[in-house]
């Protein structure tokens, strides 16, 4: 290592003017245009599906009925109306015809 002064400074070189950036390959498309093309394709496919939806032959099949039906509810209610027994709350029930006969015999309660 030398401690001698160095009088040979680097020469001044003026800065080079800025050059425009080179474009990437001319074949490459920006990603926005690819996205727009994909969106257009999806739109066209969905439009065709909507237009052809009413024209495609389709015969709907009835779904099988499972679980409780109207008939099971009606039969359960009729057996409850035409039988003696206790309700789940602990109250006694009698057939509806017998209850109407009792009302005719005894009358309805009256306030005095």
N, C-alpha and C. Protein backbone atom coordinates (compact mmCIF):
# COMPACT_ATOMS: atom_id res chain seq x y z
N UNK A 1 0.84 -1.15 0.00
CA UNK A 1 0.00 0.00 0.00
C UNK A 1 0.89 1.22 0.00
N UNK A 2 0.49 2.15 -0.82
CA UNK A 2 1.33 3.32 -0.96
C UNK A 2 0.59 4.54 -0.44
N UNK A 3 1.34 5.42 0.24
CA UNK A 3 0.75 6.66 0.74
C UNK A 3 1.12 7.85 -0.11
N UNK A 4 1.61 7.58 -1.25
CA UNK A 4 1.94 8.68 -2.14
C UNK A 4 0.69 9.27 -2.73
N UNK A 5 0.62 10.57 -2.92
CA UNK A 5 -0.56 11.17 -3.54
C UNK A 5 -0.69 10.74 -4.99
N UNK A 6 -1.87 10.55 -5.38
CA UNK A 6 -2.17 10.15 -6.75
C UNK A 6 -2.75 11.34 -7.47
N UNK A 7 -1.99 11.92 -8.39
CA UNK A 7 -2.45 13.10 -9.10
C UNK A 7 -3.15 12.76 -10.39
N UNK A 8 -3.26 11.54 -10.68
CA UNK A 8 -3.94 11.18 -11.91
C UNK A 8 -5.39 10.81 -11.56
N UNK A 9 -6.24 11.80 -11.52
CA UNK A 9 -7.65 11.57 -11.23
C UNK A 9 -8.32 11.03 -12.48
N UNK A 10 -9.36 10.33 -12.32
CA UNK A 10 -10.05 9.83 -13.51
C UNK A 10 -10.60 11.01 -14.32
N UNK A 11 -10.55 10.86 -15.59
CA UNK A 11 -11.03 11.93 -16.44
C UNK A 11 -12.54 12.05 -16.35
N UNK A 12 -13.00 13.29 -16.51
CA UNK A 12 -14.43 13.55 -16.47
C UNK A 12 -15.06 13.08 -17.76
N UNK A 13 -16.11 12.29 -17.60
CA UNK A 13 -16.84 11.83 -18.78
C UNK A 13 -18.28 12.32 -18.62
N UNK A 14 -18.79 13.09 -19.57
CA UNK A 14 -20.17 13.56 -19.45
C UNK A 14 -21.14 12.37 -19.47
N UNK A 15 -22.21 12.49 -18.73
CA UNK A 15 -23.16 11.36 -18.69
C UNK A 15 -23.79 11.14 -20.06
N UNK A 16 -24.06 9.91 -20.35
CA UNK A 16 -24.68 9.57 -21.62
C UNK A 16 -26.16 9.93 -21.59
N UNK A 17 -26.69 10.37 -22.69
CA UNK A 17 -28.13 10.68 -22.71
C UNK A 17 -28.95 9.39 -22.51
N UNK A 18 -30.10 9.55 -21.85
CA UNK A 18 -30.96 8.41 -21.56
C UNK A 18 -31.51 7.85 -22.86
N UNK A 19 -31.45 6.56 -23.00
CA UNK A 19 -32.00 5.92 -24.19
C UNK A 19 -33.35 5.31 -23.82
N UNK A 20 -34.28 5.34 -24.73
CA UNK A 20 -35.58 4.74 -24.42
C UNK A 20 -35.44 3.24 -24.18
N UNK A 21 -36.24 2.73 -23.27
CA UNK A 21 -36.18 1.31 -22.96
C UNK A 21 -36.63 0.51 -24.16
N UNK A 22 -35.97 -0.57 -24.39
CA UNK A 22 -36.34 -1.43 -25.50
C UNK A 22 -37.61 -2.19 -25.15
N UNK A 23 -38.54 -2.23 -26.06
CA UNK A 23 -39.75 -3.01 -25.77
C UNK A 23 -39.40 -4.49 -25.73
N UNK A 24 -40.16 -5.20 -24.95
CA UNK A 24 -39.95 -6.65 -24.90
C UNK A 24 -40.32 -7.22 -26.25
N UNK A 25 -40.28 -8.50 -26.36
CA UNK A 25 -40.58 -9.10 -27.65
C UNK A 25 -41.91 -8.62 -28.18
N UNK A 26 -41.98 -8.39 -29.46
CA UNK A 26 -43.19 -7.86 -30.07
C UNK A 26 -44.32 -8.88 -30.02
N UNK A 27 -44.04 -10.17 -29.85
CA UNK A 27 -45.06 -11.22 -29.85
C UNK A 27 -45.84 -11.23 -28.54
N UNK A 28 -45.21 -10.82 -27.46
CA UNK A 28 -45.84 -10.93 -26.14
C UNK A 28 -46.98 -9.92 -26.02
N UNK A 29 -48.14 -10.42 -25.52
CA UNK A 29 -49.29 -9.55 -25.30
C UNK A 29 -49.31 -9.12 -23.84
N UNK A 30 -49.79 -7.93 -23.57
CA UNK A 30 -49.91 -7.55 -22.17
C UNK A 30 -50.97 -8.41 -21.48
N UNK A 31 -50.84 -8.63 -20.18
CA UNK A 31 -51.76 -9.53 -19.49
C UNK A 31 -53.20 -9.02 -19.49
N UNK A 32 -53.41 -7.73 -19.61
CA UNK A 32 -54.77 -7.19 -19.61
C UNK A 32 -55.54 -7.67 -20.83
N UNK A 33 -54.89 -7.73 -21.97
CA UNK A 33 -55.61 -8.18 -23.16
C UNK A 33 -55.94 -9.66 -23.05
N UNK A 34 -55.11 -10.47 -22.43
CA UNK A 34 -55.43 -11.88 -22.23
C UNK A 34 -56.64 -12.02 -21.31
N UNK A 35 -56.70 -11.18 -20.30
CA UNK A 35 -57.82 -11.20 -19.38
C UNK A 35 -59.11 -10.79 -20.10
N UNK A 36 -59.00 -9.80 -20.96
CA UNK A 36 -60.18 -9.35 -21.71
C UNK A 36 -60.66 -10.44 -22.66
N UNK A 37 -59.74 -11.14 -23.30
CA UNK A 37 -60.11 -12.22 -24.21
C UNK A 37 -60.79 -13.35 -23.43
N UNK A 38 -60.25 -13.69 -22.27
CA UNK A 38 -60.85 -14.74 -21.46
C UNK A 38 -62.25 -14.33 -21.01
N UNK A 39 -62.42 -13.09 -20.62
CA UNK A 39 -63.74 -12.60 -20.22
C UNK A 39 -64.74 -12.64 -21.36
N UNK A 40 -64.29 -12.28 -22.55
CA UNK A 40 -65.15 -12.32 -23.72
C UNK A 40 -65.57 -13.75 -24.04
N UNK A 41 -64.66 -14.69 -23.91
CA UNK A 41 -64.97 -16.10 -24.17
C UNK A 41 -66.01 -16.61 -23.16
N UNK A 42 -65.84 -16.27 -21.91
CA UNK A 42 -66.80 -16.70 -20.89
C UNK A 42 -68.16 -16.09 -21.18
N UNK A 43 -68.20 -14.83 -21.56
CA UNK A 43 -69.45 -14.16 -21.89
C UNK A 43 -70.15 -14.85 -23.06
N UNK A 44 -69.40 -15.21 -24.08
CA UNK A 44 -70.00 -15.86 -25.24
C UNK A 44 -70.56 -17.23 -24.88
N UNK A 45 -69.83 -17.99 -24.10
CA UNK A 45 -70.30 -19.33 -23.72
C UNK A 45 -71.57 -19.22 -22.88
N UNK A 46 -71.59 -18.31 -21.91
CA UNK A 46 -72.78 -18.15 -21.07
C UNK A 46 -73.96 -17.65 -21.89
N UNK A 47 -73.72 -16.79 -22.86
CA UNK A 47 -74.79 -16.30 -23.72
C UNK A 47 -75.40 -17.45 -24.52
N UNK A 48 -74.56 -18.33 -25.05
CA UNK A 48 -75.07 -19.48 -25.79
C UNK A 48 -75.88 -20.40 -24.89
N UNK A 49 -75.43 -20.60 -23.68
CA UNK A 49 -76.16 -21.46 -22.74
C UNK A 49 -77.54 -20.87 -22.45
N UNK A 50 -77.60 -19.57 -22.24
CA UNK A 50 -78.88 -18.93 -21.95
C UNK A 50 -79.80 -18.98 -23.17
N UNK A 51 -79.27 -18.75 -24.34
CA UNK A 51 -80.10 -18.78 -25.54
C UNK A 51 -80.65 -20.17 -25.84
N UNK A 52 -79.86 -21.19 -25.59
CA UNK A 52 -80.27 -22.55 -25.90
C UNK A 52 -81.01 -23.23 -24.76
N UNK A 53 -81.13 -22.57 -23.62
CA UNK A 53 -81.73 -23.22 -22.44
C UNK A 53 -83.17 -23.64 -22.70
N UNK A 54 -83.94 -22.86 -23.41
CA UNK A 54 -85.33 -23.22 -23.66
C UNK A 54 -85.51 -24.18 -24.81
N UNK A 55 -84.49 -24.40 -25.60
CA UNK A 55 -84.62 -25.23 -26.80
C UNK A 55 -84.11 -26.65 -26.60
N UNK A 56 -83.39 -26.89 -25.55
CA UNK A 56 -82.84 -28.22 -25.32
C UNK A 56 -83.96 -29.11 -24.79
N UNK A 57 -84.19 -30.28 -25.39
CA UNK A 57 -85.27 -31.15 -24.90
C UNK A 57 -84.93 -31.66 -23.50
N UNK A 58 -85.89 -31.45 -22.61
CA UNK A 58 -85.68 -31.86 -21.23
C UNK A 58 -87.02 -32.26 -20.64
N UNK A 59 -87.10 -33.45 -20.12
CA UNK A 59 -88.34 -33.90 -19.48
C UNK A 59 -88.08 -34.05 -18.00
N UNK A 60 -88.70 -33.21 -17.19
CA UNK A 60 -88.47 -33.30 -15.75
C UNK A 60 -89.11 -34.56 -15.17
N UNK A 61 -88.42 -35.18 -14.27
CA UNK A 61 -88.92 -36.36 -13.59
C UNK A 61 -89.38 -35.98 -12.20
N UNK A 62 -90.53 -36.47 -11.77
CA UNK A 62 -90.98 -36.12 -10.42
C UNK A 62 -90.06 -36.75 -9.38
N UNK A 63 -89.81 -35.99 -8.35
CA UNK A 63 -88.94 -36.48 -7.28
C UNK A 63 -89.75 -37.41 -6.37
N UNK A 64 -89.16 -38.48 -5.92
CA UNK A 64 -89.89 -39.37 -5.03
C UNK A 64 -90.18 -38.69 -3.69
N UNK A 65 -91.36 -38.93 -3.17
CA UNK A 65 -91.76 -38.34 -1.90
C UNK A 65 -91.25 -39.21 -0.77
N UNK A 66 -90.51 -38.60 0.12
CA UNK A 66 -90.01 -39.34 1.27
C UNK A 66 -90.47 -38.65 2.54
N UNK A 67 -90.50 -39.37 3.61
CA UNK A 67 -90.88 -38.77 4.89
C UNK A 67 -92.39 -38.69 5.03
N UNK A 68 -92.86 -37.81 5.90
CA UNK A 68 -94.28 -37.66 6.17
C UNK A 68 -95.00 -37.05 4.97
N UNK A 69 -96.20 -37.56 4.71
CA UNK A 69 -97.02 -37.03 3.64
C UNK A 69 -98.31 -36.47 4.22
N UNK A 70 -99.10 -35.90 3.36
CA UNK A 70 -100.39 -35.34 3.79
C UNK A 70 -101.25 -36.42 4.44
N UNK A 71 -101.24 -37.58 3.84
CA UNK A 71 -102.10 -38.67 4.34
C UNK A 71 -101.70 -39.07 5.76
N UNK A 72 -100.41 -39.10 6.04
CA UNK A 72 -100.00 -39.49 7.39
C UNK A 72 -100.41 -38.44 8.42
N UNK A 73 -100.36 -37.17 8.05
CA UNK A 73 -100.82 -36.12 8.98
C UNK A 73 -102.33 -36.21 9.21
N UNK A 74 -103.09 -36.46 8.15
CA UNK A 74 -104.54 -36.52 8.28
C UNK A 74 -104.96 -37.71 9.12
N UNK A 75 -104.37 -38.86 8.87
CA UNK A 75 -104.74 -40.05 9.65
C UNK A 75 -104.37 -39.86 11.12
N UNK A 76 -103.26 -39.24 11.39
CA UNK A 76 -102.86 -38.98 12.78
C UNK A 76 -103.85 -38.04 13.46
N UNK A 77 -104.28 -36.99 12.75
CA UNK A 77 -105.24 -36.04 13.32
C UNK A 77 -106.60 -36.70 13.53
N UNK A 78 -107.03 -37.54 12.60
CA UNK A 78 -108.33 -38.21 12.74
C UNK A 78 -108.34 -39.20 13.89
N UNK A 79 -107.26 -39.91 14.06
CA UNK A 79 -107.21 -40.84 15.19
C UNK A 79 -107.22 -40.08 16.51
N UNK A 80 -106.59 -38.92 16.53
CA UNK A 80 -106.59 -38.10 17.75
C UNK A 80 -107.99 -37.56 18.03
N UNK A 81 -108.74 -37.17 16.98
CA UNK A 81 -110.09 -36.63 17.17
C UNK A 81 -111.11 -37.70 17.52
N UNK A 82 -110.86 -38.94 17.17
CA UNK A 82 -111.84 -40.01 17.36
C UNK A 82 -111.41 -41.04 18.40
N UNK A 83 -110.59 -40.65 19.36
CA UNK A 83 -110.15 -41.61 20.37
C UNK A 83 -110.06 -40.95 21.73
N UNK A 84 -110.01 -41.78 22.75
CA UNK A 84 -109.79 -41.31 24.11
C UNK A 84 -108.32 -41.44 24.43
N UNK A 85 -107.79 -40.57 25.27
CA UNK A 85 -106.40 -40.71 25.67
C UNK A 85 -105.85 -39.45 26.28
N UNK A 86 -104.54 -39.43 26.45
CA UNK A 86 -103.83 -38.29 27.03
C UNK A 86 -102.95 -37.64 25.97
N UNK A 87 -102.87 -36.34 26.03
CA UNK A 87 -101.98 -35.61 25.13
C UNK A 87 -100.58 -35.61 25.73
N UNK A 88 -99.56 -35.28 24.97
CA UNK A 88 -98.20 -35.23 25.54
C UNK A 88 -98.07 -34.21 26.68
N UNK A 89 -98.97 -33.21 26.73
CA UNK A 89 -98.91 -32.23 27.81
C UNK A 89 -99.57 -32.75 29.08
N UNK A 90 -100.25 -33.92 29.00
CA UNK A 90 -100.90 -34.49 30.18
C UNK A 90 -102.38 -34.23 30.25
N UNK A 91 -102.99 -33.65 29.24
CA UNK A 91 -104.43 -33.38 29.23
C UNK A 91 -105.16 -34.58 28.63
N UNK A 92 -106.42 -34.73 29.03
CA UNK A 92 -107.24 -35.84 28.53
C UNK A 92 -108.00 -35.35 27.30
N UNK A 93 -108.11 -36.22 26.28
CA UNK A 93 -108.92 -35.86 25.12
C UNK A 93 -109.96 -36.95 24.88
N UNK A 94 -111.11 -36.50 24.34
CA UNK A 94 -112.20 -37.42 24.03
C UNK A 94 -112.58 -37.20 22.58
N UNK A 95 -113.33 -38.16 21.97
CA UNK A 95 -113.73 -37.98 20.57
C UNK A 95 -114.58 -36.72 20.40
N UNK A 96 -114.47 -36.11 19.26
CA UNK A 96 -115.15 -34.84 19.00
C UNK A 96 -116.67 -35.00 19.02
N UNK A 97 -117.19 -36.15 18.54
CA UNK A 97 -118.64 -36.38 18.55
C UNK A 97 -119.16 -36.46 19.98
N UNK A 98 -118.43 -37.13 20.84
CA UNK A 98 -118.83 -37.25 22.25
C UNK A 98 -118.78 -35.88 22.92
N UNK A 99 -117.79 -35.06 22.59
CA UNK A 99 -117.69 -33.72 23.18
C UNK A 99 -118.87 -32.85 22.76
N UNK A 100 -119.30 -32.95 21.50
CA UNK A 100 -120.46 -32.17 21.05
C UNK A 100 -121.73 -32.62 21.75
N UNK A 101 -121.89 -33.94 21.95
CA UNK A 101 -123.07 -34.45 22.68
C UNK A 101 -123.09 -33.93 24.11
N UNK A 102 -121.92 -33.90 24.76
CA UNK A 102 -121.86 -33.41 26.14
C UNK A 102 -122.22 -31.92 26.22
N UNK A 103 -121.81 -31.14 25.24
CA UNK A 103 -122.14 -29.71 25.24
C UNK A 103 -123.65 -29.53 25.06
N UNK A 104 -124.28 -30.36 24.21
CA UNK A 104 -125.71 -30.26 24.01
C UNK A 104 -126.46 -30.62 25.28
N UNK A 105 -126.00 -31.67 25.98
CA UNK A 105 -126.65 -32.11 27.21
C UNK A 105 -126.49 -31.10 28.34
N UNK A 106 -125.26 -30.66 28.58
CA UNK A 106 -124.94 -29.83 29.74
C UNK A 106 -125.02 -28.33 29.45
N UNK A 107 -124.85 -27.93 28.22
CA UNK A 107 -124.82 -26.53 27.87
C UNK A 107 -123.44 -25.94 28.08
N UNK A 108 -123.27 -24.73 27.59
CA UNK A 108 -121.98 -24.05 27.74
C UNK A 108 -121.97 -23.30 29.07
N UNK A 109 -120.81 -23.14 29.67
CA UNK A 109 -120.75 -22.40 30.94
C UNK A 109 -121.14 -20.95 30.72
N UNK A 110 -121.85 -20.38 31.70
CA UNK A 110 -122.33 -19.01 31.59
C UNK A 110 -121.78 -18.22 32.77
N UNK A 111 -121.39 -17.00 32.55
CA UNK A 111 -120.91 -16.13 33.63
C UNK A 111 -122.11 -15.48 34.31
N UNK A 112 -122.06 -15.32 35.63
CA UNK A 112 -123.15 -14.66 36.36
C UNK A 112 -122.62 -13.46 37.07
